[in-house]
Amino acid sequence: MAPVFARTEASKEAKKEAVKEHIETHYKVYGFIRAYMALDTRESKAGTGDLYYWAPLDRSLNAAGEDMNAHINGKFSAITSRIGLDVSGYEVGKAKIGAKIEADFYSGVSGVTGTATLRLRQAFTTVSWADKGAGKYTFKLGQAWHPMAADLPDIFDLESGVPFGPFNRSPLAQIDMKWGDHIGLTIAAIWQMQYTSNGPEGASANYMKYSCVPEAYAGINVTAGSFLLRYGLSSLLIKPRYKGDVMTTGVNDGKAYTAKVSDKLFAYSPFLYLQYKKGIFAAKAKTIFAQSGEHMNILGGYGISEKFNNLDEDGHYLYTPTLTSSSWVCFSVGKKYQGVLFGGYTKNLGTLNNLYTDYTENEGADDVAFYTKTTSCYFGKNASANIQQIWRVEPAFLVNLGKFQVGLELQVTSAQYADYFKFATGKADEKGQPAMETYVTTKGLCDASTSHWITNHRVLCMVKYSF
């Protein structure tokens, strides 16, 4: 009996070792515990416990002329701690199969209040293979980084360069192709989920659902020694409304009724990314010329350019996107002790075409001017629509001690605001005063004569342990 028992025990041990080896070979758990502490000199537009920074809020003056938004405020949180699992090493024929799932604790927090709950960041499967002609192909399906957002600066703040560069993780189907050592191509179809377009229903993925057309991306990737270049173009088609009011002769006594409409917005956004890495030095730069880039956390949106809702018209609207130029550059040097310098700039260039005219000033005169109600525009999902431009300078210093990291960062962000135009509606408000409505020019811009800069200074500290 003893030899049989010994063989059984040996078999159990062999199975345990085989299982252990299989797990260690194919599965890798990773993540980090990360705590941020931030101190700001004024109230700002920010998310994720006020750690995902956008821009300082405009002045809010009281009766004595005191800016109520100009005061020091702080925040501290570990909700961005993360856990993930990489799966690799499986093969089907000549294809290699992999997967990733990753989560953090973003959800459930509003401002700096709430209980953090687990949130999905990434979840995708990859299939990769190579052909005899030295071509390499990788197909990715699931939720992952948008191809225009995947290359991030080396700063450690949570927003990673927003609003100066694209930031977006979405459900997608993507194929990466590479021939030889230098040239590659990326093609992707991207659906909206967390990072969405703005519209009549607010920020929502419904506008893509109504269109049934995913965002399309195509880009070329060039690698040469220490250099990397990416150039790509995104194409967006959304449907802000699928129903609207129409008036038809012989129907409903010629009065308005609700019917299906064929609204559509088309937007195209090219981008360029450059990178140089050698030794302990890295230089990165990215620029995007975004049309309606709010789903990528870029300033902007779109507005109504024409309405077909008169008698016997089909009730649809035409739309025009905003144009936004956004760029950043980042330099880093060091390994154990690392210095980083980031700079970013973004500018609102107005809309591609003229917006629908809601108000005409000095009609018939030589200096006639046309304006559009802000309710006809879907700007500023992530920050105030009357921001004209923003710049940021951000030096940082990190100490990397194996899996332990400490960082200190000074972030100076300045936003240029301008006031909306205001015209009377012909009605009285609750105090009996003439009610006013807010307008922009038919290019979607505010009153340039009222432009003023608002600046915030942020000190950010980070402690992080990776595993």
Protein backbone atom coordinates (compact mmCIF):
# COMPACT_ATOMS: atom_id res chain seq x y z
CA MET A 1 0.00 0.00 0.00
CA ALA A 2 2.83 2.36 0.81
CA PRO A 3 4.16 2.56 -2.77
CA VAL A 4 0.62 3.20 -4.11
CA PHE A 5 0.05 5.92 -1.51
CA ALA A 6 3.39 7.46 -2.35
CA ARG A 7 2.55 7.46 -6.08
CA THR A 8 -0.81 9.12 -5.33
CA GLU A 9 0.83 11.83 -3.25
CA ALA A 10 3.45 12.35 -5.92
CA SER A 11 0.71 12.66 -8.54
CA LYS A 12 -1.10 15.29 -6.46
CA GLU A 13 2.08 17.28 -6.02
CA ALA A 14 2.80 17.06 -9.74
CA LYS A 15 -0.69 18.36 -10.53
CA LYS A 16 -0.26 21.22 -8.06
CA GLU A 17 3.04 22.17 -9.65
CA ALA A 18 1.51 21.92 -13.12
CA VAL A 19 -1.39 24.19 -12.11
CA LYS A 20 0.99 26.64 -10.44
CA GLU A 21 3.24 26.70 -13.51
CA HIS A 22 0.21 27.20 -15.79
CA ILE A 23 -1.04 30.16 -13.73
CA GLU A 24 2.41 31.75 -13.52
CA THR A 25 2.93 31.26 -17.26
CA HIS A 26 -0.42 32.56 -18.50
CA TYR A 27 -1.79 34.92 -15.83
CA LYS A 28 -0.24 38.05 -14.35
CA VAL A 29 -2.01 40.12 -11.70
CA TYR A 30 -0.82 43.71 -11.53
CA GLY A 31 -1.88 47.03 -10.11
CA PHE A 32 -0.99 49.70 -7.59
CA ILE A 33 -2.10 51.54 -4.49
CA ARG A 34 -1.99 55.25 -5.27
CA ALA A 35 -2.81 58.24 -3.08
CA TYR A 36 -3.04 61.83 -4.31
CA MET A 37 -3.06 65.03 -2.30
CA ALA A 38 -3.77 68.30 -4.12
CA LEU A 39 -3.92 71.95 -3.11
CA ASP A 40 -5.51 74.56 -5.43
CA THR A 41 -5.56 78.34 -5.23
CA ARG A 42 -9.12 78.60 -6.60
CA GLU A 43 -12.23 76.57 -7.42
CA SER A 44 -11.85 74.60 -10.62
CA LYS A 45 -13.63 72.30 -13.02
CA ALA A 46 -12.38 68.83 -12.14
CA GLY A 47 -13.67 65.27 -11.79
CA THR A 48 -12.84 62.04 -9.96
CA GLY A 49 -12.77 63.55 -6.52
CA ASP A 50 -11.47 66.81 -8.05
CA LEU A 51 -8.25 65.02 -9.07
CA TYR A 52 -8.95 64.86 -12.82
CA TYR A 53 -8.20 68.52 -13.52
CA TRP A 54 -9.67 70.58 -16.34
CA ALA A 55 -9.50 74.33 -15.84
CA PRO A 56 -10.00 77.05 -13.21
CA LEU A 57 -13.53 78.37 -12.89
CA ASP A 58 -14.35 81.87 -14.07
CA ARG A 59 -14.58 84.71 -11.56
CA SER A 60 -17.72 84.96 -9.45
CA LEU A 61 -17.92 88.49 -8.07
CA ASN A 62 -20.06 89.46 -5.12
CA ALA A 63 -21.54 92.91 -4.45
CA ALA A 64 -18.21 94.08 -3.02
CA GLY A 65 -16.25 92.92 -6.08
CA GLU A 66 -14.72 89.92 -4.29
CA ASP A 67 -14.08 86.84 -6.41
CA MET A 68 -15.81 84.03 -4.51
CA ASN A 69 -14.00 81.34 -6.54
CA ALA A 70 -10.56 82.60 -5.49
CA HIS A 71 -9.76 80.65 -2.34
CA ILE A 72 -7.39 77.85 -1.36
CA ASN A 73 -8.91 74.36 -1.23
CA GLY A 74 -7.50 70.86 -0.83
CA LYS A 75 -8.34 67.22 -1.50
CA PHE A 76 -6.90 63.80 -0.65
CA SER A 77 -7.93 60.43 -2.04
CA ALA A 78 -6.74 56.91 -2.95
CA ILE A 79 -9.70 56.11 -5.25
CA THR A 80 -7.47 55.83 -8.33
CA SER A 81 -5.83 52.67 -6.99
CA ARG A 82 -5.97 50.00 -9.68
CA ILE A 83 -5.99 46.26 -10.23
CA GLY A 84 -5.67 44.31 -13.47
CA LEU A 85 -5.07 40.89 -14.98
CA ASP A 86 -3.08 40.09 -18.12
CA VAL A 87 -3.63 36.75 -19.88
CA SER A 88 -1.08 35.48 -22.42
CA GLY A 89 0.63 32.40 -23.79
CA TYR A 90 -2.36 30.64 -25.35
CA GLU A 91 -2.25 29.58 -29.00
CA VAL A 92 -4.81 28.43 -31.55
CA GLY A 93 -2.96 27.19 -34.60
CA LYS A 94 -0.46 29.91 -35.46
CA ALA A 95 -2.43 32.61 -33.64
CA LYS A 96 -1.52 33.80 -30.15
CA ILE A 97 -4.43 34.65 -27.85
CA GLY A 98 -4.29 37.20 -25.04
CA ALA A 99 -6.61 39.27 -22.86
CA LYS A 100 -6.68 42.08 -20.32
CA ILE A 101 -9.15 43.23 -17.69
CA GLU A 102 -8.48 46.29 -15.54
CA ALA A 103 -10.47 48.27 -12.97
CA ASP A 104 -10.13 51.08 -10.47
CA PHE A 105 -12.34 52.78 -7.89
CA TYR A 106 -13.48 55.88 -9.74
CA SER A 107 -17.26 55.37 -9.68
CA GLY A 108 -19.52 56.59 -6.91
CA VAL A 109 -17.66 59.80 -6.08
CA SER A 110 -19.14 63.21 -6.85
CA GLY A 111 -16.75 66.08 -6.25
CA VAL A 112 -14.91 65.00 -3.11
CA THR A 113 -17.87 63.18 -1.55
CA GLY A 114 -19.11 59.61 -1.81
CA THR A 115 -18.09 55.99 -1.52
CA ALA A 116 -15.88 54.73 -4.33
CA THR A 117 -16.98 51.60 -6.18
CA LEU A 118 -15.19 49.45 -8.73
CA ARG A 119 -15.16 50.74 -12.33
CA LEU A 120 -14.17 48.96 -15.53
CA ARG A 121 -11.23 50.64 -17.30
CA GLN A 122 -10.20 48.08 -19.88
CA ALA A 123 -11.45 44.64 -20.92
CA PHE A 124 -10.33 43.20 -24.25
CA THR A 125 -9.12 40.12 -26.07
CA THR A 126 -6.25 40.07 -28.57
CA VAL A 127 -5.43 37.68 -31.40
CA SER A 128 -2.02 38.08 -33.05
CA TRP A 129 -0.28 36.23 -35.85
CA ALA A 130 2.53 36.62 -38.40
CA ASP A 131 2.66 35.68 -42.08
CA LYS A 132 5.53 34.45 -44.20
CA GLY A 133 6.06 37.91 -45.64
CA ALA A 134 7.25 39.17 -42.22
CA GLY A 135 3.94 40.93 -41.59
CA LYS A 136 2.64 41.02 -38.02
CA TYR A 137 -1.06 41.49 -37.20
CA THR A 138 -2.90 42.04 -33.92
CA PHE A 139 -6.68 42.14 -33.61
CA LYS A 140 -8.12 43.72 -30.44
CA LEU A 141 -11.77 43.48 -29.42
CA GLY A 142 -13.27 44.99 -26.25
CA GLN A 143 -12.80 48.17 -24.24
CA ALA A 144 -9.39 49.79 -24.58
CA TRP A 145 -7.60 53.08 -25.18
CA HIS A 146 -8.74 55.08 -28.20
CA PRO A 147 -5.83 54.93 -30.72
CA MET A 148 -5.47 58.73 -30.57
CA ALA A 149 -5.26 58.69 -26.76
CA ALA A 150 -2.99 55.69 -26.15
CA ASP A 151 0.30 57.66 -26.08
CA LEU A 152 0.33 59.74 -22.90
CA PRO A 153 2.85 62.24 -21.47
CA ASP A 154 5.15 61.17 -18.62
CA ILE A 155 3.47 63.35 -15.98
CA PHE A 156 1.81 61.47 -13.11
CA ASP A 157 -1.33 63.57 -12.65
CA LEU A 158 -4.63 61.79 -13.24
CA GLU A 159 -5.77 63.75 -16.30
CA SER A 160 -2.56 62.98 -18.24
CA GLY A 161 -2.55 66.16 -20.30
CA VAL A 162 -6.28 66.87 -20.62
CA PRO A 163 -7.64 69.07 -22.20
CA PHE A 164 -4.59 69.43 -24.45
CA GLY A 165 -4.70 65.92 -25.89
CA PRO A 166 -7.27 63.17 -26.47
CA PHE A 167 -8.26 61.05 -23.46
CA ASN A 168 -10.70 58.23 -24.16
CA ARG A 169 -11.19 54.52 -23.45
CA SER A 170 -14.08 52.95 -25.33
CA PRO A 171 -15.43 49.67 -26.74
CA LEU A 172 -13.63 49.07 -30.03
CA ALA A 173 -12.54 46.64 -32.71
CA GLN A 174 -8.97 47.42 -33.76
CA ILE A 175 -6.38 45.84 -36.00
CA ASP A 176 -2.69 46.75 -35.94
CA MET A 177 -0.57 45.71 -38.91
CA LYS A 178 3.19 46.00 -39.17
CA TRP A 179 5.47 45.16 -42.05
CA GLY A 180 9.18 44.97 -41.35
CA ASP A 181 10.72 47.08 -38.61
CA HIS A 182 9.45 50.52 -39.55
CA ILE A 183 5.95 50.82 -41.03
CA GLY A 184 2.63 49.96 -39.41
CA LEU A 185 -1.06 50.68 -39.88
CA THR A 186 -3.89 50.92 -37.33
CA ILE A 187 -7.59 50.72 -38.21
CA ALA A 188 -10.35 50.85 -35.59
CA ALA A 189 -14.11 51.08 -35.18
CA ILE A 190 -14.94 52.75 -31.84
CA TRP A 191 -18.21 52.89 -29.92
CA GLN A 192 -19.08 55.44 -27.23
CA MET A 193 -19.74 54.46 -23.63
CA GLN A 194 -18.15 56.51 -20.83
CA TYR A 195 -16.61 59.18 -23.06
CA THR A 196 -19.54 60.53 -25.05
CA SER A 197 -20.69 63.32 -27.32
CA ASN A 198 -22.87 66.15 -26.08
CA GLY A 199 -26.35 66.91 -27.37
CA PRO A 200 -30.03 67.63 -26.69
CA GLU A 201 -30.14 64.86 -24.05
CA GLY A 202 -26.91 66.03 -22.41
CA ALA A 203 -23.75 63.96 -22.59
CA SER A 204 -24.91 60.57 -23.85
CA ALA A 205 -23.95 57.58 -25.99
CA ASN A 206 -27.48 57.66 -27.47
CA TYR A 207 -26.42 59.88 -30.37
CA MET A 208 -24.12 57.15 -31.68
CA LYS A 209 -26.79 54.54 -30.89
CA TYR A 210 -29.28 56.48 -33.01
CA SER A 211 -26.82 56.69 -35.93
CA CYS A 212 -25.76 53.00 -35.66
CA VAL A 213 -22.33 54.07 -37.01
CA PRO A 214 -19.16 53.73 -34.88
CA GLU A 215 -16.38 56.28 -34.92
CA ALA A 216 -13.79 55.23 -37.51
CA TYR A 217 -10.03 55.67 -37.15
CA ALA A 218 -7.17 55.03 -39.56
CA GLY A 219 -3.53 55.84 -38.86
CA ILE A 220 0.02 55.13 -39.91
CA ASN A 221 2.83 54.32 -37.45
CA VAL A 222 6.51 54.82 -38.32
CA THR A 223 9.37 53.57 -36.13
CA ALA A 224 12.99 54.46 -36.85
CA GLY A 225 15.58 53.84 -34.16
CA SER A 226 14.68 55.98 -31.16
CA PHE A 227 11.93 57.81 -33.05
CA LEU A 228 8.21 57.04 -33.28
CA LEU A 229 5.66 58.87 -35.41
CA ARG A 230 1.91 58.35 -35.54
CA TYR A 231 -0.45 60.16 -37.86
CA GLY A 232 -4.16 59.38 -37.93
CA LEU A 233 -7.65 60.60 -38.74
CA SER A 234 -10.87 60.05 -36.81
CA SER A 235 -14.30 60.22 -38.47
CA LEU A 236 -17.41 60.70 -36.32
CA LEU A 237 -21.06 60.40 -37.36
CA ILE A 238 -23.76 60.90 -34.73
CA LYS A 239 -27.50 61.57 -34.80
CA PRO A 240 -28.43 64.17 -32.15
CA ARG A 241 -32.18 63.53 -32.61
CA TYR A 242 -34.20 60.69 -34.11
CA LYS A 243 -37.54 62.47 -33.63
CA GLY A 244 -38.70 66.07 -33.92
CA ASP A 245 -41.63 68.34 -34.75
CA VAL A 246 -42.87 68.53 -38.34
CA MET A 247 -45.78 70.29 -40.05
CA THR A 248 -47.42 68.63 -43.06
CA THR A 249 -50.27 69.82 -45.24
CA GLY A 250 -53.32 67.63 -44.64
CA VAL A 251 -51.94 66.06 -41.46
CA ASN A 252 -53.01 67.12 -37.95
CA ASP A 253 -54.71 70.22 -39.41
CA GLY A 254 -51.29 71.53 -40.43
CA LYS A 255 -50.18 71.75 -36.80
CA ALA A 256 -46.86 70.42 -35.52
CA TYR A 257 -46.64 66.74 -34.60
CA THR A 258 -43.80 64.43 -33.61
CA ALA A 259 -42.20 62.37 -36.36
CA LYS A 260 -38.92 60.66 -37.20
CA VAL A 261 -36.17 63.00 -38.43
CA SER A 262 -32.85 62.45 -40.16
CA ASP A 263 -30.45 64.63 -38.12
CA LYS A 264 -26.74 63.94 -38.63
CA LEU A 265 -23.43 65.48 -37.55
CA PHE A 266 -20.21 64.67 -39.41
CA ALA A 267 -16.85 65.51 -37.79
CA TYR A 268 -13.23 64.73 -38.74
CA SER A 269 -10.20 65.05 -36.46
CA PRO A 270 -6.58 64.54 -37.62
CA PHE A 271 -3.76 64.13 -35.11
CA LEU A 272 0.03 63.76 -35.02
CA TYR A 273 2.21 62.18 -32.34
CA LEU A 274 6.02 62.32 -32.16
CA GLN A 275 8.29 60.55 -29.69
CA TYR A 276 12.03 60.26 -29.11
CA LYS A 277 13.47 57.96 -26.44
CA LYS A 278 17.10 57.22 -25.76
CA GLY A 279 18.65 56.16 -22.48
CA ILE A 280 17.16 58.13 -19.61
CA PHE A 281 15.81 60.92 -21.85
CA ALA A 282 12.40 61.07 -23.55
CA ALA A 283 10.66 63.77 -25.58
CA LYS A 284 7.02 63.49 -26.64
CA ALA A 285 4.61 65.80 -28.47
CA LYS A 286 1.03 65.48 -29.69
CA THR A 287 -1.27 67.79 -31.60
CA ILE A 288 -4.88 67.40 -32.73
CA PHE A 289 -7.15 69.57 -34.85
CA ALA A 290 -10.45 68.38 -33.41
CA GLN A 291 -13.94 68.77 -34.78
CA SER A 292 -16.52 68.19 -32.06
CA GLY A 293 -13.87 66.59 -29.86
CA GLU A 294 -15.79 66.59 -26.56
CA HIS A 295 -15.96 62.76 -26.52
CA MET A 296 -12.14 62.80 -26.39
CA ASN A 297 -12.09 65.38 -23.56
CA ILE A 298 -11.16 68.15 -25.98
CA LEU A 299 -12.83 71.57 -25.71
CA GLY A 300 -15.77 72.07 -28.03
CA GLY A 301 -18.92 70.45 -29.33
CA TYR A 302 -21.32 71.39 -32.12
CA GLY A 303 -24.40 73.47 -32.87
CA ILE A 304 -27.42 73.72 -35.15
CA SER A 305 -26.60 75.29 -38.50
CA GLU A 306 -29.95 74.97 -40.29
CA LYS A 307 -33.51 73.91 -39.45
CA PHE A 308 -35.96 72.31 -41.87
CA ASN A 309 -39.11 72.56 -39.78
CA ASN A 310 -41.37 74.79 -41.85
CA LEU A 311 -44.58 73.56 -43.46
CA ASP A 312 -44.01 70.43 -45.62
CA GLU A 313 -40.33 70.19 -44.67
CA ASP A 314 -39.11 66.97 -43.03
CA GLY A 315 -38.19 68.54 -39.67
CA HIS A 316 -34.48 67.64 -39.62
CA TYR A 317 -31.62 69.88 -38.49
CA LEU A 318 -28.16 70.33 -39.94
CA TYR A 319 -25.23 70.70 -37.53
CA THR A 320 -21.74 72.13 -37.64
CA PRO A 321 -18.83 71.09 -35.36
CA THR A 322 -16.48 73.32 -33.41
CA LEU A 323 -12.83 73.52 -34.42
CA THR A 324 -10.28 73.17 -31.63
CA SER A 325 -6.50 73.18 -31.87
CA SER A 326 -4.88 71.32 -28.95
CA SER A 327 -1.23 70.44 -28.41
CA TRP A 328 1.15 69.30 -25.70
CA VAL A 329 4.86 68.63 -25.36
CA CYS A 330 6.63 66.71 -22.58
CA PHE A 331 10.30 66.17 -21.67
CA SER A 332 11.55 63.71 -19.04
CA VAL A 333 15.01 62.75 -17.86
CA GLY A 334 16.28 60.35 -15.22
CA LYS A 335 15.42 56.92 -13.87
CA LYS A 336 15.72 56.71 -10.08
CA TYR A 337 15.39 60.48 -9.82
CA GLN A 338 13.24 61.76 -12.66
CA GLY A 339 12.45 65.29 -13.76
CA VAL A 340 9.53 66.05 -16.06
CA LEU A 341 8.39 69.23 -17.81
CA PHE A 342 5.01 69.44 -19.54
CA GLY A 343 3.45 72.26 -21.53
CA GLY A 344 0.04 72.39 -23.19
CA TYR A 345 -2.09 74.83 -25.19
CA THR A 346 -5.61 74.64 -26.61
CA LYS A 347 -7.70 77.21 -28.48
CA ASN A 348 -11.35 77.37 -29.46
CA LEU A 349 -11.48 78.40 -33.15
CA GLY A 350 -15.26 78.60 -33.44
CA THR A 351 -17.49 76.47 -35.64
CA LEU A 352 -16.71 75.07 -39.08
CA ASN A 353 -19.81 76.65 -40.66
CA ASN A 354 -22.15 79.36 -39.47
CA LEU A 355 -24.69 78.49 -36.81
CA TYR A 356 -28.41 79.03 -37.17
CA THR A 357 -29.28 82.71 -36.63
CA ASP A 358 -31.61 83.28 -33.66
CA TYR A 359 -31.12 87.04 -33.30
CA THR A 360 -30.15 89.83 -35.68
CA GLU A 361 -28.71 93.07 -34.30
CA ASN A 362 -28.93 96.35 -36.26
CA GLU A 363 -30.91 94.68 -39.03
CA GLY A 364 -30.80 96.79 -42.20
CA ALA A 365 -27.81 98.82 -40.98
CA ASP A 366 -24.23 98.62 -42.20
CA ASP A 367 -22.98 97.01 -38.98
CA VAL A 368 -25.58 94.20 -38.85
CA ALA A 369 -24.56 91.27 -36.62
CA PHE A 370 -25.99 87.76 -36.24
CA TYR A 371 -26.14 85.67 -33.08
CA THR A 372 -27.16 82.17 -31.97
CA LYS A 373 -28.80 81.16 -28.69
CA THR A 374 -26.60 79.00 -26.48
CA THR A 375 -29.56 76.61 -26.30
CA SER A 376 -28.97 75.91 -30.03
CA CYS A 377 -25.40 74.83 -29.22
CA TYR A 378 -24.01 71.75 -27.49
CA PHE A 379 -20.67 73.09 -26.34
CA GLY A 380 -18.69 72.68 -23.16
CA LYS A 381 -19.59 69.22 -21.88
CA ASN A 382 -16.44 69.07 -19.76
CA ALA A 383 -15.70 72.74 -19.17
CA SER A 384 -17.46 76.06 -19.60
CA ALA A 385 -18.40 76.84 -23.20
CA ASN A 386 -17.12 80.43 -22.89
CA ILE A 387 -13.49 79.37 -22.50
CA GLN A 388 -11.55 80.77 -25.46
CA GLN A 389 -8.15 79.21 -24.81
CA ILE A 390 -6.13 77.46 -22.09
CA TRP A 391 -2.44 77.01 -21.41
CA ARG A 392 -0.61 74.95 -18.80
CA VAL A 393 2.98 74.62 -17.56
CA GLU A 394 3.75 71.67 -15.33
CA PRO A 395 7.14 70.72 -13.84
CA ALA A 396 7.33 67.52 -11.80
CA PHE A 397 9.89 65.50 -9.85
CA LEU A 398 9.67 61.78 -9.06
CA VAL A 399 11.69 59.40 -6.92
CA ASN A 400 11.46 55.78 -8.13
CA LEU A 401 12.53 53.20 -5.56
CA GLY A 402 11.70 49.88 -7.15
CA LYS A 403 7.95 49.37 -6.74
CA PHE A 404 7.63 52.47 -4.57
CA GLN A 405 7.25 55.92 -6.12
CA VAL A 406 6.88 59.42 -4.72
CA GLY A 407 6.11 62.48 -6.83
CA LEU A 408 5.71 66.24 -6.44
CA GLU A 409 4.23 68.44 -9.13
CA LEU A 410 3.42 72.12 -9.64
CA GLN A 411 0.67 72.74 -12.20
CA VAL A 412 -0.09 76.26 -13.45
CA THR A 413 -3.23 76.40 -15.61
CA SER A 414 -4.65 79.59 -17.08
CA ALA A 415 -7.95 79.86 -18.98
CA GLN A 416 -9.17 82.82 -21.00
CA TYR A 417 -12.88 83.44 -20.52
CA ALA A 418 -15.20 85.78 -22.40
CA ASP A 419 -18.76 86.79 -21.59
CA TYR A 420 -21.77 85.59 -23.54
CA PHE A 421 -23.79 88.16 -25.46
CA LYS A 422 -27.12 88.89 -23.74
CA PHE A 423 -30.33 90.13 -25.35
CA ALA A 424 -33.82 90.65 -23.96
CA THR A 425 -36.45 88.02 -24.68
CA GLY A 426 -39.35 90.48 -24.49
CA LYS A 427 -40.53 88.79 -21.31
CA ALA A 428 -40.07 89.63 -17.63
CA ASP A 429 -38.22 87.51 -15.10
CA GLU A 430 -39.48 86.59 -11.62
CA LYS A 431 -38.39 90.00 -10.28
CA GLY A 432 -40.24 91.89 -13.01
CA GLN A 433 -37.01 92.79 -14.81
CA PRO A 434 -36.55 92.17 -18.55
CA ALA A 435 -35.57 88.53 -19.01
CA MET A 436 -32.28 88.02 -20.84
CA GLU A 437 -31.03 85.09 -22.92
CA THR A 438 -27.41 84.23 -23.67
CA TYR A 439 -26.03 84.14 -27.21
CA VAL A 440 -22.80 83.50 -29.11
CA THR A 441 -21.80 84.70 -32.56
CA THR A 442 -22.82 82.51 -35.49
CA LYS A 443 -19.26 81.15 -35.29
CA GLY A 444 -19.89 79.99 -31.74
CA LEU A 445 -17.64 82.59 -30.09
CA CYS A 446 -18.25 84.90 -27.13
CA ASP A 447 -17.68 88.64 -26.72
CA ALA A 448 -13.92 89.07 -27.32
CA SER A 449 -13.98 92.54 -25.79
CA THR A 450 -14.68 90.97 -22.37
CA SER A 451 -11.83 88.42 -22.51
CA HIS A 452 -9.93 87.89 -19.27
CA TRP A 453 -7.51 85.30 -17.91
CA ILE A 454 -8.09 83.18 -14.81
CA THR A 455 -5.17 81.21 -13.33
CA ASN A 456 -4.97 78.37 -10.84
CA HIS A 457 -1.84 77.04 -9.12
CA ARG A 458 -2.04 73.40 -8.09
CA VAL A 459 0.46 71.53 -5.92
CA LEU A 460 0.04 67.78 -6.36
CA CYS A 461 1.71 65.05 -4.29
CA MET A 462 1.57 61.34 -5.06
CA VAL A 463 2.59 58.17 -3.23
CA LYS A 464 2.33 54.92 -5.17
CA TYR A 465 3.16 51.26 -4.55
CA SER A 466 2.98 48.92 -7.54
CA PHE A 467 2.61 45.17 -7.50
